[in-house]
Amino acid sequence: MRTFAENLIALPMTVLAVLTMGLMCWRWQRLSRSFFATGTIAFFLFSVPVIGQLLLWPLSRPDTPPGAIADAKPAAIVVPTAGIYEDGTGNWWPSSSSVLRVVLGLQMQDRHSLPLILAGGSPVAGRPAEARVIGRHFNLSERKIIIDDTARNSFETGHAVAKLVQSMSSSQVVLVTSEAHAVRMSASLRHAGLEVLGISVRSPGSRFQGWTDFLPSPRGLAISTAVVKEYCAVLWYLATSKVDVADLLS
């Protein structure tokens, strides 16, 4: 789970604020103060939960109804991992986002009796494969689970899943992932030649909870950080031809 400090560092606007503070040490004080004011206002806005919720809305997709999933007879349920962390004693644990995705994925498996593909390698050298850590945490040995520990990102996950599904009866899969991640992951699967049915993990924190959502908070910063990251990632995938516009709009 991200701490407030990690969200502060991750937010792109923080970089602008730091650079601006550096500029204030130079001669262009009027320009640097303008940048500093802009950065401060932007940081304030990104810390307001309702701003993050509005930014999340274009990334949200409606869930595929259970009846439609049953009628489609998909090949498998796909759950991409969402990180792990080390507790300081050498033990690795699933992040809260990974736990939420796997729990919903297992619920979908119980409902539809489909194999579940848990996909996640090691995006950082020296770390264990995320899917292996999460698989041990949930003790999935008695379930019909296929673990892919090679994919380091959404693009690689799409192609890894496509290879696993080749020998199955259908090219359709049910994607279970977080709401903000659904667009990029769905596009990656489609680009690899698969048809995607979607079920999103919808965090209560990303939904309007009352007047306090108009006040800056760590929760607002966390929502905005995740959403801004996804927008940047989608633009990068488009720029590097990892996905096409058609993959995003399908």
Protein backbone atom coordinates (compact mmCIF):
# COMPACT_ATOMS: atom_id res chain seq x y z
CA MET A 1 0.00 0.00 0.00
CA ARG A 2 1.33 3.44 -0.86
CA THR A 3 2.16 5.82 1.95
CA PHE A 4 1.34 9.52 1.77
CA ALA A 5 5.02 10.26 1.07
CA GLU A 6 5.11 7.76 -1.81
CA ASN A 7 2.06 9.37 -3.37
CA LEU A 8 3.67 12.75 -2.96
CA ILE A 9 6.77 11.61 -4.82
CA ALA A 10 4.83 9.75 -7.50
CA LEU A 11 2.58 12.61 -8.52
CA PRO A 12 4.05 14.32 -11.60
CA MET A 13 3.12 17.77 -10.30
CA THR A 14 5.56 17.26 -7.43
CA VAL A 15 8.42 17.34 -9.89
CA LEU A 16 7.20 20.70 -11.14
CA ALA A 17 7.03 22.04 -7.58
CA VAL A 18 10.57 20.90 -6.80
CA LEU A 19 11.93 22.43 -9.99
CA THR A 20 10.12 25.66 -9.25
CA MET A 21 11.62 25.87 -5.78
CA GLY A 22 15.01 25.45 -7.40
CA LEU A 23 14.28 28.24 -9.85
CA MET A 24 13.47 30.57 -6.97
CA CYS A 25 17.14 30.51 -6.06
CA TRP A 26 18.01 32.06 -9.42
CA ARG A 27 17.48 35.52 -10.82
CA TRP A 28 14.13 34.97 -12.55
CA GLN A 29 12.08 35.44 -9.41
CA ARG A 30 8.89 36.62 -11.13
CA LEU A 31 8.81 33.61 -13.47
CA SER A 32 9.71 31.17 -10.72
CA ARG A 33 6.98 32.54 -8.46
CA SER A 34 4.41 32.09 -11.22
CA PHE A 35 5.49 28.48 -11.70
CA PHE A 36 5.47 27.90 -7.95
CA ALA A 37 1.95 29.27 -7.63
CA THR A 38 0.76 27.12 -10.53
CA GLY A 39 2.37 24.02 -9.06
CA THR A 40 0.91 24.68 -5.63
CA ILE A 41 -2.61 25.14 -7.01
CA ALA A 42 -2.31 22.01 -9.15
CA PHE A 43 -1.03 19.99 -6.20
CA PHE A 44 -3.93 21.23 -4.08
CA LEU A 45 -6.45 20.25 -6.77
CA PHE A 46 -4.94 16.77 -7.24
CA SER A 47 -5.30 16.23 -3.49
CA VAL A 48 -9.07 16.78 -3.63
CA PRO A 49 -10.84 13.38 -3.93
CA VAL A 50 -13.63 14.63 -6.19
CA ILE A 51 -11.02 15.76 -8.77
CA GLY A 52 -9.52 12.28 -8.85
CA GLN A 53 -12.98 10.76 -9.13
CA LEU A 54 -13.78 12.97 -12.13
CA LEU A 55 -10.47 12.03 -13.78
CA LEU A 56 -11.22 8.36 -13.16
CA TRP A 57 -14.60 8.48 -14.89
CA PRO A 58 -13.29 8.30 -18.51
CA LEU A 59 -11.26 5.21 -17.56
CA SER A 60 -14.23 3.40 -16.03
CA ARG A 61 -16.02 0.68 -17.96
CA PRO A 62 -19.28 -1.12 -17.11
CA ASP A 63 -18.93 -4.67 -15.85
CA THR A 64 -19.96 -7.52 -18.12
CA PRO A 65 -23.20 -9.00 -16.67
CA PRO A 66 -22.81 -12.50 -15.16
CA GLY A 67 -25.32 -13.91 -17.64
CA ALA A 68 -23.32 -12.59 -20.58
CA ILE A 69 -20.16 -14.18 -19.19
CA ALA A 70 -21.90 -17.53 -18.84
CA ASP A 71 -23.30 -17.31 -22.39
CA ALA A 72 -19.92 -16.35 -23.89
CA LYS A 73 -18.15 -19.42 -22.42
CA PRO A 74 -14.77 -17.68 -22.08
CA ALA A 75 -11.53 -19.63 -21.82
CA ALA A 76 -10.31 -18.25 -18.50
CA ILE A 77 -10.34 -15.51 -15.90
CA VAL A 78 -7.27 -13.25 -16.03
CA VAL A 79 -6.01 -11.51 -12.89
CA PRO A 80 -2.91 -9.33 -13.37
CA THR A 81 -1.00 -8.70 -10.16
CA ALA A 82 -0.67 -5.19 -8.71
CA GLY A 83 2.52 -5.30 -6.70
CA ILE A 84 4.09 -6.88 -3.64
CA TYR A 85 6.05 -5.46 -0.72
CA GLU A 86 8.75 -6.63 1.68
CA ASP A 87 7.97 -6.34 5.40
CA GLY A 88 11.52 -5.65 6.59
CA THR A 89 12.20 -9.23 7.69
CA GLY A 90 12.74 -10.70 4.24
CA ASN A 91 9.13 -11.79 3.76
CA TRP A 92 7.11 -10.66 0.73
CA TRP A 93 3.38 -9.94 0.79
CA PRO A 94 0.72 -8.96 -1.78
CA SER A 95 -0.20 -5.29 -1.97
CA SER A 96 -3.74 -4.34 -1.02
CA SER A 97 -4.59 -3.85 -4.71
CA SER A 98 -3.32 -7.34 -5.54
CA VAL A 99 -5.42 -8.81 -2.73
CA LEU A 100 -8.59 -7.09 -3.94
CA ARG A 101 -8.04 -8.30 -7.51
CA VAL A 102 -7.38 -11.91 -6.49
CA VAL A 103 -10.33 -12.06 -4.09
CA LEU A 104 -12.71 -10.87 -6.81
CA GLY A 105 -11.06 -13.21 -9.32
CA LEU A 106 -11.59 -16.20 -7.01
CA GLN A 107 -15.23 -15.19 -6.51
CA MET A 108 -15.67 -15.13 -10.28
CA GLN A 109 -14.01 -18.53 -10.53
CA ASP A 110 -16.40 -19.98 -7.95
CA ARG A 111 -19.34 -18.56 -9.90
CA HIS A 112 -18.29 -19.61 -13.41
CA SER A 113 -16.00 -22.63 -12.82
CA LEU A 114 -13.28 -21.31 -15.12
CA PRO A 115 -9.50 -21.64 -14.88
CA LEU A 116 -7.83 -18.54 -13.43
CA ILE A 117 -4.64 -17.12 -14.90
CA LEU A 118 -2.65 -15.20 -12.30
CA ALA A 119 -0.12 -13.13 -14.24
CA GLY A 120 2.77 -11.16 -12.80
CA GLY A 121 6.52 -11.45 -13.00
CA SER A 122 9.20 -9.31 -11.38
CA PRO A 123 9.22 -5.75 -12.78
CA VAL A 124 12.16 -4.87 -10.52
CA ALA A 125 15.41 -6.86 -10.51
CA GLY A 126 15.99 -8.71 -7.27
CA ARG A 127 12.34 -9.09 -6.38
CA PRO A 128 10.48 -12.41 -6.53
CA ALA A 129 7.79 -12.92 -9.14
CA GLU A 130 4.59 -11.28 -7.94
CA ALA A 131 2.33 -14.13 -9.07
CA ARG A 132 4.40 -16.65 -7.08
CA VAL A 133 4.25 -14.58 -3.89
CA ILE A 134 0.52 -14.03 -4.21
CA GLY A 135 -0.11 -17.67 -5.09
CA ARG A 136 1.61 -18.79 -1.88
CA HIS A 137 -0.25 -16.20 0.18
CA PHE A 138 -3.63 -17.43 -0.99
CA ASN A 139 -2.67 -21.13 -0.98
CA LEU A 140 -4.05 -21.68 -4.48
CA SER A 141 -2.68 -25.21 -4.93
CA GLU A 142 -6.12 -26.82 -4.68
CA ARG A 143 -7.67 -24.56 -7.31
CA LYS A 144 -7.42 -24.60 -11.09
CA ILE A 145 -4.83 -21.85 -11.30
CA ILE A 146 -2.37 -21.11 -14.09
CA ILE A 147 0.51 -18.91 -12.93
CA ASP A 148 2.51 -16.81 -15.36
CA ASP A 149 5.60 -15.36 -13.71
CA THR A 150 7.22 -13.89 -16.82
CA ALA A 151 5.24 -10.73 -17.61
CA ARG A 152 6.70 -7.50 -16.20
CA ASN A 153 3.99 -5.10 -17.40
CA SER A 154 0.54 -4.97 -18.97
CA PHE A 155 1.84 -5.32 -22.53
CA GLU A 156 3.80 -8.46 -21.68
CA THR A 157 0.85 -9.81 -19.71
CA GLY A 158 -1.36 -9.52 -22.78
CA HIS A 159 0.99 -11.61 -24.91
CA ALA A 160 1.70 -14.12 -22.14
CA VAL A 161 -2.02 -14.72 -21.61
CA ALA A 162 -2.59 -15.05 -25.37
CA LYS A 163 -0.01 -17.85 -25.51
CA LEU A 164 -1.64 -19.65 -22.59
CA VAL A 165 -5.11 -19.35 -24.13
CA GLN A 166 -4.04 -20.68 -27.55
CA SER A 167 -4.68 -24.27 -26.53
CA MET A 168 -8.07 -23.51 -24.97
CA SER A 169 -11.51 -23.62 -26.53
CA SER A 170 -12.10 -19.86 -26.77
CA SER A 171 -10.21 -16.63 -27.39
CA GLN A 172 -12.38 -14.78 -24.89
CA VAL A 173 -11.16 -14.05 -21.36
CA VAL A 174 -12.66 -12.37 -18.31
CA LEU A 175 -10.35 -9.63 -17.06
CA VAL A 176 -10.45 -8.84 -13.35
CA THR A 177 -8.41 -5.76 -12.45
CA SER A 178 -8.68 -2.36 -10.81
CA GLU A 179 -10.96 0.24 -12.32
CA ALA A 180 -8.21 2.63 -13.45
CA HIS A 181 -6.10 -0.19 -14.94
CA ALA A 182 -8.93 -1.80 -16.91
CA VAL A 183 -8.59 0.29 -20.09
CA ARG A 184 -4.84 -0.31 -20.56
CA MET A 185 -4.98 -3.98 -19.64
CA SER A 186 -8.00 -4.65 -21.85
CA ALA A 187 -6.27 -2.91 -24.76
CA SER A 188 -3.13 -5.00 -24.22
CA LEU A 189 -5.15 -8.22 -24.30
CA ARG A 190 -7.01 -7.14 -27.44
CA HIS A 191 -3.74 -6.17 -29.13
CA ALA A 192 -2.56 -9.73 -28.46
CA GLY A 193 -5.62 -11.08 -30.28
CA LEU A 194 -8.02 -11.81 -27.44
CA GLU A 195 -11.61 -10.78 -26.81
CA VAL A 196 -12.15 -9.25 -23.39
CA LEU A 197 -15.03 -9.36 -20.94
CA GLY A 198 -14.44 -7.13 -17.94
CA ILE A 199 -15.04 -7.07 -14.19
CA SER A 200 -13.47 -4.18 -12.30
CA VAL A 201 -12.44 -3.92 -8.67
CA ARG A 202 -14.20 -0.77 -7.54
CA SER A 203 -12.59 0.73 -4.46
CA PRO A 204 -15.00 2.47 -2.06
CA GLY A 205 -12.47 5.27 -1.77
CA SER A 206 -12.89 6.13 -5.44
CA ARG A 207 -16.61 6.81 -5.01
CA PHE A 208 -18.16 10.03 -3.76
CA GLN A 209 -18.55 9.87 0.01
CA GLY A 210 -19.87 13.30 0.91
CA TRP A 211 -18.77 16.87 1.41
CA THR A 212 -15.34 15.80 2.72
CA ASP A 213 -14.48 14.75 -0.85
CA PHE A 214 -14.13 18.45 -1.64
CA LEU A 215 -11.28 18.79 0.87
CA PRO A 216 -7.63 17.84 0.18
CA SER A 217 -6.61 14.52 1.70
CA PRO A 218 -4.12 11.64 1.28
CA ARG A 219 -6.97 9.61 -0.23
CA GLY A 220 -7.51 12.25 -2.89
CA LEU A 221 -3.80 12.27 -3.66
CA ALA A 222 -3.78 8.47 -3.94
CA ILE A 223 -6.72 8.47 -6.38
CA SER A 224 -5.17 11.19 -8.55
CA THR A 225 -1.77 9.50 -8.51
CA ALA A 226 -3.21 6.21 -9.78
CA VAL A 227 -5.31 7.91 -12.44
CA VAL A 228 -2.55 10.23 -13.71
CA LYS A 229 -0.21 7.23 -13.88
CA GLU A 230 -2.72 5.37 -16.05
CA TYR A 231 -3.23 8.30 -18.41
CA CYS A 232 0.54 8.59 -18.83
CA ALA A 233 0.87 4.84 -19.35
CA VAL A 234 -1.90 4.77 -21.97
CA LEU A 235 -0.25 7.62 -23.87
CA TRP A 236 3.09 5.82 -23.70
CA TYR A 237 1.54 2.59 -24.99
CA LEU A 238 0.01 4.50 -27.90
CA ALA A 239 3.25 6.35 -28.67
CA THR A 240 5.27 3.11 -28.68
CA SER A 241 2.63 1.12 -30.64
CA LYS A 242 2.05 -1.32 -27.81
CA VAL A 243 -1.68 -0.73 -28.37
CA ASP A 244 -3.78 0.99 -31.03
CA VAL A 245 -6.64 3.43 -30.63
CA ALA A 246 -8.98 0.67 -31.80
CA ASP A 247 -7.80 -1.52 -28.90
CA LEU A 248 -8.72 1.22 -26.44
CA LEU A 249 -12.15 1.90 -27.93
CA SER A 250 -13.33 -1.68 -28.43
